[in-house]
Amino acid sequence: GGQEENPMLKEVHLNEAQYKATGLVLGGFEKKNLSEVINANGYTKLPPQNQAQVSVQLPGTIKTIKVIEGQAVKAGQILATMQSMAYNNLRLDREKLNQELTASQSSLEFLKLEFARQKELTEENVNAKKVFQKVSSDLQMEEAKIKTLQSQIAILGQNIEIGGNSTSPIINITAPISGNITDINVTIGAAAEVGKPLFSIVDNSKMHVDLLVYEKDLFKVKPGQSVRFILTNQDGSEIRGKIFSVGKSFENETKSVAVHADILNEKQMLIPGMYVNALVDVGSNTVNALPIEAIIKAEGREFVFVLEEEKDGEFHFQRIEVKTGTSQLG
């Protein structure tokens, strides 16, 4: 009566009525294959190539916006359109350069003929040498000028290409990667400034986890091992992963090494920078196991009760201190 509740007693005696009333269940050790696990904390992380800021190469004014926050987009999809005077000016500049190029090419033709004529004359006449040198240098200058014009036109052409359709004054602003729109920092009629982010896109399908593993556990952790973690803010659902690489240097002051794990399920509900507590399965051992309910905890110690003998309807239990190892699934 009451006494058997106190785990600090070395022995507990129960009579048959008490034994039945407490609903005790007897059991023994079982050999179970339990994984050895290492505890590690870390964060969800997204590689830089799976996040993008969308900005424009030329200033302009936003004309339409075709997406909303959270929307999934494909690389190359039009997010917005803009009108740009700068863009029109580029086209005018290209036009001017093209005209100059045509003029230079005609001069070149003329200079080539002149060069050939002067060359014949120099062979007969010393005076013509000076004229020939002048024509020769003019020819080289004209050739260099043509090269410069051609490269300027090519660069303008590329800038105009960036805008999309090179004949329309409307420029398409497109998605550089596939993913979800996370931020829209622009409204219709607003000025789009060069280099100022208008949209942010993240592709969470490439999310992984960076775990910090301490020096003492490092030798046990290898690529290919399974990782499990539970998100506190997501109704405790378990997320599974696999280690794909182990860092080669210590992180700052912590004497821990970053271990990178791929996430195998449920990527969509994760966002970068979430804190996670993970268990890394570092190998399984066959060990003597008991149900968790068989362990009585008291004053920071752990005990089991062992049936020593049963006689005259009396049950004698001995209290034995134990040290528990890994626990899994009860």
Protein backbone atom coordinates (compact mmCIF):
# COMPACT_ATOMS: atom_id res chain seq x y z
CA GLY A 1 0.00 0.00 0.00
CA GLY A 2 1.70 3.21 -1.14
CA GLN A 3 5.18 1.87 -0.50
CA GLU A 4 5.67 0.25 -3.88
CA GLU A 5 5.24 3.69 -5.48
CA ASN A 6 8.55 4.86 -4.01
CA PRO A 7 11.32 3.92 -6.43
CA MET A 8 14.02 4.62 -3.84
CA LEU A 9 13.15 1.43 -1.96
CA LYS A 10 15.63 -1.35 -2.62
CA GLU A 11 12.90 -3.99 -2.62
CA VAL A 12 9.17 -4.00 -3.20
CA HIS A 13 6.78 -6.73 -1.94
CA LEU A 14 3.32 -7.08 -3.42
CA ASN A 15 0.67 -9.60 -2.50
CA GLU A 16 -1.52 -11.19 -5.17
CA ALA A 17 -4.37 -8.67 -4.79
CA GLN A 18 -1.98 -5.70 -5.06
CA TYR A 19 -0.17 -7.34 -7.99
CA LYS A 20 -3.47 -7.74 -9.89
CA ALA A 21 -4.74 -4.27 -8.92
CA THR A 22 -1.62 -2.48 -10.25
CA GLY A 23 -1.98 -4.22 -13.59
CA LEU A 24 1.73 -5.04 -13.74
CA VAL A 25 3.09 -6.56 -16.92
CA LEU A 26 6.25 -8.65 -16.80
CA GLY A 27 8.70 -8.70 -19.65
CA GLY A 28 12.34 -9.35 -20.41
CA PHE A 29 15.14 -7.87 -22.45
CA GLU A 30 14.73 -8.19 -26.18
CA LYS A 31 17.47 -7.93 -28.78
CA LYS A 32 16.55 -4.92 -30.93
CA ASN A 33 18.33 -3.33 -33.87
CA LEU A 34 18.52 0.32 -32.75
CA SER A 35 20.35 3.05 -34.61
CA GLU A 36 22.97 5.04 -32.83
CA VAL A 37 22.07 8.67 -33.31
CA ILE A 38 23.88 11.98 -32.99
CA ASN A 39 21.96 15.10 -32.09
CA ALA A 40 22.75 18.18 -34.19
CA ASN A 41 21.22 21.62 -34.61
CA GLY A 42 21.22 23.63 -37.79
CA TYR A 43 19.32 25.69 -40.34
CA THR A 44 17.55 25.19 -43.62
CA LYS A 45 19.61 26.71 -46.40
CA LEU A 46 19.16 27.49 -50.07
CA PRO A 47 22.12 27.56 -52.50
CA PRO A 48 22.73 31.00 -54.08
CA GLN A 49 21.94 29.70 -57.57
CA ASN A 50 18.39 28.91 -56.42
CA GLN A 51 17.51 32.46 -55.38
CA ALA A 52 17.35 35.44 -57.69
CA GLN A 53 16.76 39.18 -57.58
CA VAL A 54 15.24 40.51 -60.79
CA SER A 55 16.34 43.98 -61.88
CA VAL A 56 16.62 45.89 -65.19
CA GLN A 57 19.68 46.78 -67.28
CA LEU A 58 18.17 50.04 -68.49
CA PRO A 59 16.02 52.60 -66.67
CA GLY A 60 12.34 52.78 -67.59
CA THR A 61 8.75 52.93 -66.34
CA ILE A 62 6.76 49.84 -65.34
CA LYS A 63 3.79 49.33 -67.65
CA THR A 64 2.30 45.99 -66.53
CA ILE A 65 2.88 43.45 -63.72
CA LYS A 66 1.94 39.89 -64.58
CA VAL A 67 2.59 37.95 -61.35
CA ILE A 68 1.52 37.96 -57.70
CA GLU A 69 3.49 37.08 -54.57
CA GLY A 70 3.82 33.35 -53.97
CA GLN A 71 3.17 32.49 -57.63
CA ALA A 72 5.26 29.73 -59.22
CA VAL A 73 7.10 30.92 -62.33
CA LYS A 74 9.31 29.27 -64.94
CA ALA A 75 12.69 30.60 -66.08
CA GLY A 76 12.10 33.04 -68.97
CA GLN A 77 8.49 33.78 -67.98
CA ILE A 78 7.45 37.46 -68.30
CA LEU A 79 7.04 39.03 -64.85
CA ALA A 80 6.41 42.61 -65.95
CA THR A 81 6.83 44.96 -68.92
CA MET A 82 8.30 48.45 -69.04
CA GLN A 83 8.74 51.35 -71.41
CA SER A 84 12.18 52.85 -71.63
CA MET A 85 13.42 56.04 -73.30
CA ALA A 86 16.96 54.85 -72.68
CA TYR A 87 16.09 51.77 -74.66
CA ASN A 88 14.76 53.84 -77.56
CA ASN A 89 17.91 55.97 -77.40
CA LEU A 90 19.99 52.82 -77.67
CA ARG A 91 18.16 51.93 -80.85
CA LEU A 92 18.76 55.44 -82.25
CA ASP A 93 22.45 55.17 -81.28
CA ARG A 94 22.68 51.85 -83.03
CA GLU A 95 21.05 53.37 -86.11
CA LYS A 96 23.64 56.22 -86.14
CA LEU A 97 26.52 53.80 -85.70
CA ASN A 98 25.19 51.67 -88.54
CA GLN A 99 25.16 54.73 -90.80
CA GLU A 100 28.71 55.62 -89.77
CA LEU A 101 29.75 52.05 -90.44
CA THR A 102 28.28 52.17 -93.96
CA ALA A 103 30.13 55.46 -94.64
CA SER A 104 33.38 54.01 -93.27
CA GLN A 105 33.02 50.93 -95.43
CA SER A 106 32.67 53.12 -98.58
CA SER A 107 35.76 55.16 -97.56
CA LEU A 108 37.59 51.91 -97.06
CA GLU A 109 36.75 50.76 -100.56
CA PHE A 110 38.02 54.09 -101.95
CA LEU A 111 41.19 53.98 -99.81
CA LYS A 112 41.96 50.43 -100.94
CA LEU A 113 41.85 51.52 -104.60
CA GLU A 114 43.94 54.63 -103.81
CA PHE A 115 46.40 52.44 -101.88
CA ALA A 116 46.85 50.11 -104.85
CA ARG A 117 47.33 53.12 -107.23
CA GLN A 118 49.84 54.85 -104.95
CA LYS A 119 51.72 51.59 -104.47
CA GLU A 120 52.31 51.34 -108.25
CA LEU A 121 53.43 54.99 -108.37
CA THR A 122 55.92 54.64 -105.49
CA GLU A 123 57.68 51.88 -107.33
CA GLU A 124 58.43 54.42 -110.10
CA ASN A 125 58.53 57.72 -108.22
CA VAL A 126 60.25 58.65 -104.94
CA ASN A 127 57.99 61.72 -104.40
CA ALA A 128 54.90 59.53 -104.25
CA LYS A 129 56.36 57.73 -101.15
CA LYS A 130 54.97 60.39 -98.75
CA VAL A 131 51.52 60.29 -100.32
CA PHE A 132 51.57 56.49 -100.18
CA GLN A 133 52.46 56.50 -96.45
CA LYS A 134 49.59 58.89 -95.77
CA VAL A 135 47.11 56.72 -97.72
CA SER A 136 48.47 53.64 -95.98
CA SER A 137 47.94 55.13 -92.50
CA ASP A 138 44.45 56.43 -93.48
CA LEU A 139 43.56 52.92 -94.58
CA GLN A 140 44.68 51.43 -91.24
CA MET A 141 42.77 54.09 -89.29
CA GLU A 142 39.62 53.44 -91.29
CA GLU A 143 39.95 49.68 -90.70
CA ALA A 144 40.41 50.26 -86.94
CA LYS A 145 37.42 52.64 -86.90
CA ILE A 146 35.28 49.98 -88.60
CA LYS A 147 36.35 47.39 -85.98
CA THR A 148 35.42 49.76 -83.13
CA LEU A 149 32.06 50.60 -84.71
CA GLN A 150 31.29 46.93 -85.23
CA SER A 151 32.04 46.08 -81.60
CA GLN A 152 29.98 49.07 -80.35
CA ILE A 153 27.07 47.96 -82.53
CA ALA A 154 27.43 44.39 -81.22
CA ILE A 155 27.33 45.62 -77.59
CA LEU A 156 24.29 47.82 -78.27
CA GLY A 157 22.68 44.89 -80.04
CA GLN A 158 23.21 42.73 -76.94
CA ASN A 159 21.74 45.44 -74.68
CA ILE A 160 18.74 45.70 -76.96
CA GLU A 161 18.43 41.89 -76.97
CA ILE A 162 18.38 41.93 -73.14
CA GLY A 163 15.24 44.02 -73.47
CA GLY A 164 13.68 41.31 -75.58
CA ASN A 165 11.95 42.35 -78.77
CA SER A 166 14.27 44.77 -80.57
CA THR A 167 11.57 46.52 -82.60
CA SER A 168 8.99 47.30 -79.89
CA PRO A 169 9.35 50.12 -77.34
CA ILE A 170 8.00 47.74 -74.66
CA ILE A 171 10.62 45.65 -72.81
CA ASN A 172 9.78 42.35 -71.14
CA ILE A 173 11.23 41.74 -67.67
CA THR A 174 11.67 37.96 -67.37
CA ALA A 175 12.43 35.42 -64.63
CA PRO A 176 16.09 34.31 -64.59
CA ILE A 177 15.26 31.07 -62.70
CA SER A 178 12.21 28.90 -61.99
CA GLY A 179 10.74 29.16 -58.50
CA ASN A 180 8.23 31.14 -56.45
CA ILE A 181 7.91 34.92 -56.32
CA THR A 182 8.66 35.98 -52.74
CA ASP A 183 8.79 39.79 -53.07
CA ILE A 184 7.38 42.34 -55.48
CA ASN A 185 8.91 45.78 -54.93
CA VAL A 186 7.26 47.62 -57.77
CA THR A 187 3.96 49.13 -58.87
CA ILE A 188 2.55 50.11 -62.26
CA GLY A 189 3.91 53.48 -63.39
CA ALA A 190 6.88 53.26 -61.00
CA ALA A 191 10.40 53.99 -62.19
CA ALA A 192 12.50 50.87 -62.69
CA GLU A 193 16.05 51.82 -61.75
CA VAL A 194 19.08 49.91 -62.98
CA GLY A 195 20.20 47.26 -60.47
CA LYS A 196 17.33 47.90 -58.02
CA PRO A 197 15.54 44.58 -57.27
CA LEU A 198 11.97 44.54 -58.58
CA PHE A 199 11.17 40.87 -57.80
CA SER A 200 12.72 38.11 -55.67
CA ILE A 201 12.41 34.47 -56.68
CA VAL A 202 13.33 31.40 -54.62
CA ASP A 203 13.37 27.78 -55.72
CA ASN A 204 12.76 25.86 -52.49
CA SER A 205 12.99 22.49 -54.23
CA LYS A 206 16.77 22.71 -53.80
CA MET A 207 16.56 23.40 -50.07
CA HIS A 208 19.06 21.59 -47.87
CA VAL A 209 20.02 21.65 -44.22
CA ASP A 210 23.33 22.77 -42.72
CA LEU A 211 23.89 20.94 -39.44
CA LEU A 212 26.63 21.75 -36.94
CA VAL A 213 28.35 18.60 -35.71
CA TYR A 214 30.88 18.79 -32.88
CA GLU A 215 34.42 17.48 -33.09
CA LYS A 216 33.77 14.50 -30.81
CA ASP A 217 31.03 13.13 -33.12
CA LEU A 218 32.62 14.07 -36.41
CA PHE A 219 34.35 10.76 -37.15
CA LYS A 220 30.97 8.97 -36.98
CA VAL A 221 29.27 11.17 -39.61
CA LYS A 222 29.55 10.19 -43.29
CA PRO A 223 27.82 11.06 -46.58
CA GLY A 224 24.84 8.80 -47.28
CA GLN A 225 23.65 8.58 -43.66
CA SER A 226 20.01 9.29 -42.88
CA VAL A 227 18.90 12.38 -41.01
CA ARG A 228 15.53 12.98 -39.34
CA PHE A 229 14.28 16.24 -37.99
CA ILE A 230 11.07 17.60 -36.62
CA LEU A 231 9.89 21.14 -37.25
CA THR A 232 8.47 22.59 -34.08
CA ASN A 233 6.21 24.98 -35.99
CA GLN A 234 4.80 22.29 -38.33
CA ASP A 235 2.66 20.10 -36.06
CA GLY A 236 5.74 17.97 -35.35
CA SER A 237 5.79 16.22 -38.73
CA GLU A 238 9.06 14.41 -39.36
CA ILE A 239 11.25 15.38 -42.28
CA ARG A 240 13.80 12.97 -43.69
CA GLY A 241 17.10 13.75 -45.30
CA LYS A 242 20.44 12.31 -46.35
CA ILE A 243 23.92 13.68 -45.71
CA PHE A 244 25.66 14.63 -48.97
CA SER A 245 28.83 16.31 -47.72
CA VAL A 246 30.81 16.96 -44.57
CA GLY A 247 32.67 20.27 -44.19
CA LYS A 248 36.47 20.32 -44.13
CA SER A 249 36.96 23.16 -41.67
CA PHE A 250 35.71 24.34 -38.29
CA GLU A 251 32.98 26.98 -38.24
CA ASN A 252 34.25 30.10 -36.46
CA GLU A 253 34.63 29.67 -32.69
CA THR A 254 32.29 26.75 -32.14
CA LYS A 255 34.64 23.83 -32.81
CA SER A 256 31.87 22.37 -34.93
CA VAL A 257 31.83 21.41 -38.60
CA ALA A 258 29.04 22.11 -41.09
CA VAL A 259 27.43 18.94 -42.42
CA HIS A 260 25.15 19.35 -45.44
CA ALA A 261 22.05 17.19 -45.79
CA ASP A 262 19.62 16.92 -48.69
CA ILE A 263 15.95 17.00 -47.79
CA LEU A 264 13.99 14.07 -49.20
CA ASN A 265 10.38 15.07 -48.48
CA GLU A 266 8.28 18.11 -47.61
CA LYS A 267 10.54 20.78 -49.10
CA GLN A 268 7.67 23.04 -49.97
CA MET A 269 6.72 23.93 -46.41
CA LEU A 270 10.27 24.97 -45.56
CA ILE A 271 11.72 28.42 -45.94
CA PRO A 272 15.42 29.29 -45.78
CA GLY A 273 16.81 30.02 -42.33
CA MET A 274 14.47 27.79 -40.29
CA TYR A 275 16.05 26.36 -37.14
CA VAL A 276 16.06 22.55 -37.02
CA ASN A 277 17.01 19.95 -34.46
CA ALA A 278 18.12 16.78 -36.22
CA LEU A 279 19.05 13.20 -35.43
CA VAL A 280 21.76 11.67 -37.62
CA ASP A 281 21.64 7.86 -37.83
CA VAL A 282 25.29 6.88 -37.62
CA GLY A 283 24.92 3.10 -37.73
CA SER A 284 22.77 0.47 -36.07
CA ASN A 285 23.64 -1.98 -33.32
CA THR A 286 21.79 -4.98 -31.95
CA VAL A 287 21.33 -4.15 -28.28
CA ASN A 288 19.39 -5.36 -25.22
CA ALA A 289 16.24 -3.28 -25.19
CA LEU A 290 13.35 -2.68 -22.81
CA PRO A 291 10.10 -0.76 -23.31
CA ILE A 292 10.45 2.86 -22.16
CA GLU A 293 7.69 2.28 -19.56
CA ALA A 294 9.96 -0.22 -17.77
CA ILE A 295 12.39 2.57 -16.85
CA ILE A 296 11.56 4.49 -13.67
CA LYS A 297 13.26 7.88 -13.40
CA ALA A 298 13.94 9.41 -9.99
CA GLU A 299 16.35 12.11 -8.80
CA GLY A 300 18.19 12.11 -12.12
CA ARG A 301 18.81 8.34 -11.98
CA GLU A 302 17.12 5.50 -13.86
CA PHE A 303 15.93 2.19 -12.43
CA VAL A 304 14.24 -1.05 -13.42
CA PHE A 305 12.45 -3.47 -11.09
CA VAL A 306 13.30 -7.15 -11.45
CA LEU A 307 11.11 -9.97 -10.13
CA GLU A 308 13.42 -11.85 -7.75
CA GLU A 309 11.01 -14.50 -6.50
CA GLU A 310 7.34 -15.31 -6.20
CA LYS A 311 6.21 -17.53 -3.26
CA ASP A 312 3.08 -17.89 -1.16
CA GLY A 313 1.29 -15.32 -3.36
CA GLU A 314 4.01 -12.71 -2.58
CA PHE A 315 5.95 -11.00 -5.37
CA HIS A 316 9.45 -9.77 -4.48
CA PHE A 317 10.88 -7.07 -6.83
CA GLN A 318 14.49 -5.88 -6.66
CA ARG A 319 15.30 -2.30 -7.72
CA ILE A 320 18.35 -2.04 -10.00
CA GLU A 321 19.95 1.14 -11.32
CA VAL A 322 20.55 1.23 -15.10
CA LYS A 323 22.10 3.60 -17.65
CA THR A 324 20.00 3.85 -20.79
CA GLY A 325 21.37 4.22 -24.31
CA THR A 326 19.51 5.28 -27.44
CA SER A 327 15.74 5.16 -27.47
CA GLN A 328 13.61 4.79 -30.57
CA LEU A 329 9.90 4.38 -31.10
CA GLY A 330 9.23 3.57 -27.44
